[in-house]
């Protein structure tokens, strides 16, 4: 399972999509660059909340791959989502 090329493509896609979602949020909604938006959110103490919400965007490709019966990329997206969730918990409790 983990050695599959499609799994790792899905995992990379599962990391890139939330990053793009955060970049779009920073540029369009906040009308600012990504770094300064992240620092503003960190000062407010809601940076982990916004990262978690950006991870929800992974649902669209996850269900798309499931509908097309492409299970390995959907497993990769799910894997990267769990990695992001673990990272958010670590950031939330340690920093």
N, C-alpha and C. Protein backbone atom coordinates (compact mmCIF):
# COMPACT_ATOMS: atom_id res chain seq x y z
N UNK A 1 0.82 -1.19 0.00
CA UNK A 1 0.00 0.00 0.00
C UNK A 1 0.86 1.25 0.00
N UNK A 2 1.77 1.38 0.95
CA UNK A 2 2.53 2.63 1.07
C UNK A 2 3.59 2.73 -0.02
N UNK A 3 3.98 1.65 -0.63
CA UNK A 3 4.99 1.72 -1.69
C UNK A 3 4.41 2.14 -3.03
N UNK A 4 3.14 2.26 -3.12
CA UNK A 4 2.49 2.60 -4.37
C UNK A 4 2.76 4.06 -4.74
N UNK A 5 3.02 4.27 -6.02
CA UNK A 5 3.26 5.62 -6.51
C UNK A 5 2.00 6.47 -6.41
N UNK A 6 0.84 5.87 -6.64
CA UNK A 6 -0.41 6.61 -6.55
C UNK A 6 -0.71 7.04 -5.12
N UNK A 7 -0.33 6.22 -4.14
CA UNK A 7 -0.51 6.58 -2.74
C UNK A 7 0.27 7.85 -2.42
N UNK A 8 1.53 7.88 -2.84
CA UNK A 8 2.37 9.04 -2.53
C UNK A 8 1.93 10.27 -3.31
N UNK A 9 1.41 10.09 -4.51
CA UNK A 9 0.86 11.24 -5.24
C UNK A 9 -0.35 11.81 -4.49
N UNK A 10 -1.18 10.94 -3.98
CA UNK A 10 -2.32 11.39 -3.18
C UNK A 10 -1.88 12.08 -1.90
N UNK A 11 -0.80 11.57 -1.28
CA UNK A 11 -0.29 12.19 -0.06
C UNK A 11 0.26 13.58 -0.34
N UNK A 12 0.97 13.73 -1.43
CA UNK A 12 1.50 15.05 -1.79
C UNK A 12 0.35 15.99 -2.13
N UNK A 13 -0.63 15.49 -2.85
CA UNK A 13 -1.80 16.29 -3.17
C UNK A 13 -2.54 16.71 -1.90
N UNK A 14 -2.59 15.83 -0.92
CA UNK A 14 -3.25 16.12 0.35
C UNK A 14 -2.52 17.16 1.18
N UNK A 15 -1.25 17.39 0.90
CA UNK A 15 -0.51 18.45 1.59
C UNK A 15 -0.58 19.76 0.79
N UNK A 16 -0.53 19.66 -0.52
CA UNK A 16 -0.52 20.85 -1.36
C UNK A 16 -1.87 21.57 -1.33
N UNK A 17 -2.96 20.83 -1.35
CA UNK A 17 -4.29 21.45 -1.41
C UNK A 17 -4.57 22.34 -0.19
N UNK A 18 -4.30 21.90 1.05
CA UNK A 18 -4.52 22.83 2.18
C UNK A 18 -3.59 24.04 2.14
N UNK A 19 -2.36 23.86 1.65
CA UNK A 19 -1.46 25.01 1.52
C UNK A 19 -2.00 26.02 0.52
N UNK A 20 -2.53 25.52 -0.59
CA UNK A 20 -3.15 26.42 -1.57
C UNK A 20 -4.39 27.08 -1.01
N UNK A 21 -5.17 26.34 -0.22
CA UNK A 21 -6.36 26.92 0.39
C UNK A 21 -5.99 28.04 1.35
N UNK A 22 -4.91 27.86 2.11
CA UNK A 22 -4.47 28.90 3.02
C UNK A 22 -3.93 30.10 2.25
N UNK A 23 -3.21 29.84 1.17
CA UNK A 23 -2.70 30.95 0.35
C UNK A 23 -3.84 31.74 -0.26
N UNK A 24 -4.86 31.07 -0.74
CA UNK A 24 -6.02 31.76 -1.30
C UNK A 24 -6.74 32.55 -0.21
N UNK A 25 -6.86 31.97 0.97
CA UNK A 25 -7.46 32.69 2.10
C UNK A 25 -6.66 33.94 2.43
N UNK A 26 -5.34 33.82 2.44
CA UNK A 26 -4.51 34.96 2.80
C UNK A 26 -4.58 36.07 1.76
N UNK A 27 -4.56 35.72 0.50
CA UNK A 27 -4.51 36.72 -0.56
C UNK A 27 -5.88 37.33 -0.82
N UNK A 28 -6.91 36.50 -0.91
CA UNK A 28 -8.22 37.02 -1.30
C UNK A 28 -9.01 37.56 -0.09
N UNK A 29 -9.09 36.80 0.98
CA UNK A 29 -9.91 37.21 2.12
C UNK A 29 -9.17 38.26 2.96
N UNK A 30 -7.93 37.98 3.32
CA UNK A 30 -7.19 38.90 4.18
C UNK A 30 -6.50 40.02 3.41
N UNK A 31 -6.37 39.87 2.09
CA UNK A 31 -5.69 40.84 1.23
C UNK A 31 -4.29 41.15 1.75
N UNK A 32 -3.56 40.09 2.02
CA UNK A 32 -2.23 40.19 2.58
C UNK A 32 -1.41 39.02 2.06
N UNK A 33 -0.10 39.01 2.33
CA UNK A 33 0.69 37.87 1.91
C UNK A 33 0.56 36.74 2.95
N UNK A 34 1.05 35.58 2.58
CA UNK A 34 0.82 34.38 3.38
C UNK A 34 1.52 34.46 4.73
N UNK A 35 2.76 34.91 4.74
CA UNK A 35 3.54 34.94 5.99
C UNK A 35 2.95 35.91 7.00
N UNK A 36 2.62 37.11 6.55
CA UNK A 36 2.07 38.10 7.49
C UNK A 36 0.69 37.69 7.98
N UNK A 37 -0.09 37.04 7.13
CA UNK A 37 -1.40 36.53 7.57
C UNK A 37 -1.21 35.47 8.64
N UNK A 38 -0.24 34.56 8.43
CA UNK A 38 0.01 33.52 9.43
C UNK A 38 0.45 34.13 10.74
N UNK A 39 1.31 35.15 10.69
CA UNK A 39 1.77 35.79 11.92
C UNK A 39 0.63 36.52 12.63
N UNK A 40 -0.26 37.16 11.87
CA UNK A 40 -1.41 37.82 12.49
C UNK A 40 -2.32 36.79 13.17
N UNK A 41 -2.53 35.67 12.51
CA UNK A 41 -3.36 34.62 13.10
C UNK A 41 -2.69 34.01 14.32
N UNK A 42 -1.37 33.93 14.29
CA UNK A 42 -0.64 33.38 15.43
C UNK A 42 -0.75 34.30 16.64
N UNK A 43 -0.67 35.62 16.39
CA UNK A 43 -0.83 36.57 17.48
C UNK A 43 -2.23 36.48 18.08
N UNK A 44 -3.22 36.30 17.22
CA UNK A 44 -4.60 36.15 17.70
C UNK A 44 -4.86 34.80 18.36
N UNK A 45 -3.97 33.84 18.11
CA UNK A 45 -4.11 32.52 18.70
C UNK A 45 -5.06 31.60 17.95
N UNK A 46 -5.35 31.91 16.70
CA UNK A 46 -6.29 31.09 15.93
C UNK A 46 -5.63 30.46 14.71
N UNK A 47 -4.31 30.44 14.66
CA UNK A 47 -3.63 29.89 13.48
C UNK A 47 -3.90 28.40 13.32
N UNK A 48 -4.01 27.66 14.41
CA UNK A 48 -4.29 26.22 14.28
C UNK A 48 -5.72 25.98 13.82
N UNK A 49 -6.63 26.87 14.18
CA UNK A 49 -8.02 26.74 13.74
C UNK A 49 -8.13 26.93 12.22
N UNK A 50 -7.41 27.91 11.72
CA UNK A 50 -7.46 28.18 10.28
C UNK A 50 -6.78 27.05 9.50
N UNK A 51 -5.69 26.51 10.03
CA UNK A 51 -5.03 25.38 9.37
C UNK A 51 -5.98 24.18 9.32
N UNK A 52 -6.69 23.95 10.42
CA UNK A 52 -7.65 22.84 10.44
C UNK A 52 -8.77 23.05 9.43
N UNK A 53 -9.25 24.27 9.31
CA UNK A 53 -10.30 24.55 8.33
C UNK A 53 -9.79 24.40 6.90
N UNK A 54 -8.53 24.74 6.67
CA UNK A 54 -7.97 24.57 5.33
C UNK A 54 -7.83 23.09 4.98
N UNK A 55 -7.70 22.24 5.98
CA UNK A 55 -7.59 20.81 5.75
C UNK A 55 -8.92 20.23 5.27
N UNK A 56 -10.02 20.89 5.57
CA UNK A 56 -11.33 20.40 5.12
C UNK A 56 -11.45 20.40 3.60
N UNK A 57 -10.62 21.18 2.93
CA UNK A 57 -10.66 21.23 1.47
C UNK A 57 -10.25 19.87 0.89
N UNK A 58 -9.54 19.08 1.68
CA UNK A 58 -9.14 17.74 1.22
C UNK A 58 -10.32 16.80 1.00
N UNK A 59 -11.48 17.16 1.52
CA UNK A 59 -12.65 16.30 1.34
C UNK A 59 -13.05 16.17 -0.12
N UNK A 60 -12.91 17.26 -0.88
CA UNK A 60 -13.33 17.23 -2.29
C UNK A 60 -12.53 16.21 -3.10
N UNK A 61 -11.19 16.26 -3.12
CA UNK A 61 -10.48 15.24 -3.90
C UNK A 61 -10.59 13.84 -3.30
N UNK A 62 -10.72 13.77 -1.96
CA UNK A 62 -10.87 12.46 -1.32
C UNK A 62 -12.12 11.75 -1.83
N UNK A 63 -13.26 12.43 -1.80
CA UNK A 63 -14.50 11.81 -2.27
C UNK A 63 -14.52 11.65 -3.79
N UNK A 64 -13.84 12.53 -4.50
CA UNK A 64 -13.75 12.38 -5.95
C UNK A 64 -13.00 11.10 -6.31
N UNK A 65 -11.87 10.86 -5.63
CA UNK A 65 -11.12 9.63 -5.89
C UNK A 65 -11.90 8.39 -5.45
N UNK A 66 -12.63 8.50 -4.34
CA UNK A 66 -13.44 7.37 -3.91
C UNK A 66 -14.55 7.07 -4.92
N UNK A 67 -15.18 8.10 -5.45
CA UNK A 67 -16.26 7.90 -6.41
C UNK A 67 -15.74 7.24 -7.69
N UNK A 68 -14.50 7.57 -8.07
CA UNK A 68 -13.93 6.98 -9.28
C UNK A 68 -13.21 5.67 -8.99
N UNK A 69 -13.36 5.17 -7.75
CA UNK A 69 -12.75 3.92 -7.30
C UNK A 69 -11.24 3.92 -7.43
N UNK A 70 -10.64 5.05 -7.17
CA UNK A 70 -9.18 5.19 -7.11
C UNK A 70 -8.80 5.24 -5.64
N UNK A 71 -8.65 4.08 -5.04
CA UNK A 71 -8.51 3.98 -3.60
C UNK A 71 -7.13 4.37 -3.10
N UNK A 72 -6.09 4.13 -3.87
CA UNK A 72 -4.75 4.45 -3.39
C UNK A 72 -4.52 5.95 -3.25
N UNK A 73 -4.90 6.79 -4.23
CA UNK A 73 -4.74 8.23 -3.98
C UNK A 73 -5.62 8.74 -2.84
N UNK A 74 -6.80 8.17 -2.68
CA UNK A 74 -7.65 8.61 -1.58
C UNK A 74 -7.04 8.21 -0.24
N UNK A 75 -6.37 7.08 -0.18
CA UNK A 75 -5.67 6.70 1.05
C UNK A 75 -4.51 7.64 1.33
N UNK A 76 -3.83 8.08 0.28
CA UNK A 76 -2.75 9.05 0.45
C UNK A 76 -3.25 10.38 0.97
N UNK A 77 -4.39 10.83 0.46
CA UNK A 77 -4.98 12.08 0.94
C UNK A 77 -5.38 11.94 2.40
N UNK A 78 -5.96 10.82 2.75
CA UNK A 78 -6.35 10.58 4.14
C UNK A 78 -5.12 10.52 5.05
N UNK A 79 -4.05 9.90 4.58
CA UNK A 79 -2.80 9.82 5.33
C UNK A 79 -2.24 11.22 5.59
N UNK A 80 -2.19 12.05 4.56
CA UNK A 80 -1.64 13.40 4.74
C UNK A 80 -2.54 14.24 5.64
N UNK A 81 -3.84 14.00 5.58
CA UNK A 81 -4.75 14.72 6.47
C UNK A 81 -4.48 14.36 7.93
N UNK A 82 -4.23 13.08 8.20
CA UNK A 82 -3.89 12.68 9.56
C UNK A 82 -2.56 13.29 10.00
N UNK A 83 -1.60 13.38 9.10
CA UNK A 83 -0.31 13.99 9.42
C UNK A 83 -0.51 15.47 9.76
N UNK A 84 -1.34 16.15 9.00
CA UNK A 84 -1.62 17.57 9.27
C UNK A 84 -2.33 17.73 10.61
N UNK A 85 -3.26 16.83 10.92
CA UNK A 85 -3.97 16.89 12.20
C UNK A 85 -3.00 16.69 13.35
N UNK A 86 -2.09 15.74 13.23
CA UNK A 86 -1.09 15.52 14.28
C UNK A 86 -0.20 16.75 14.43
N UNK A 87 0.20 17.36 13.31
CA UNK A 87 1.03 18.56 13.37
C UNK A 87 0.28 19.71 14.04
N UNK A 88 -1.01 19.85 13.76
CA UNK A 88 -1.80 20.91 14.39
C UNK A 88 -1.89 20.68 15.90
N UNK A 89 -2.10 19.46 16.32
CA UNK A 89 -2.14 19.18 17.75
C UNK A 89 -0.80 19.47 18.41
N UNK A 90 0.30 19.12 17.77
CA UNK A 90 1.61 19.41 18.32
C UNK A 90 1.83 20.91 18.42
N UNK A 91 1.49 21.64 17.37
CA UNK A 91 1.65 23.10 17.39
C UNK A 91 0.75 23.71 18.46
N UNK A 92 -0.45 23.21 18.59
CA UNK A 92 -1.41 23.77 19.53
C UNK A 92 -0.98 23.56 20.98
N UNK A 93 -0.45 22.42 21.31
CA UNK A 93 -0.11 22.12 22.69
C UNK A 93 1.32 22.48 23.09
N UNK A 94 2.21 22.57 22.13
CA UNK A 94 3.60 22.89 22.48
C UNK A 94 3.97 24.35 22.26
N UNK A 95 3.31 25.00 21.33
CA UNK A 95 3.70 26.39 21.04
C UNK A 95 2.60 27.30 21.42
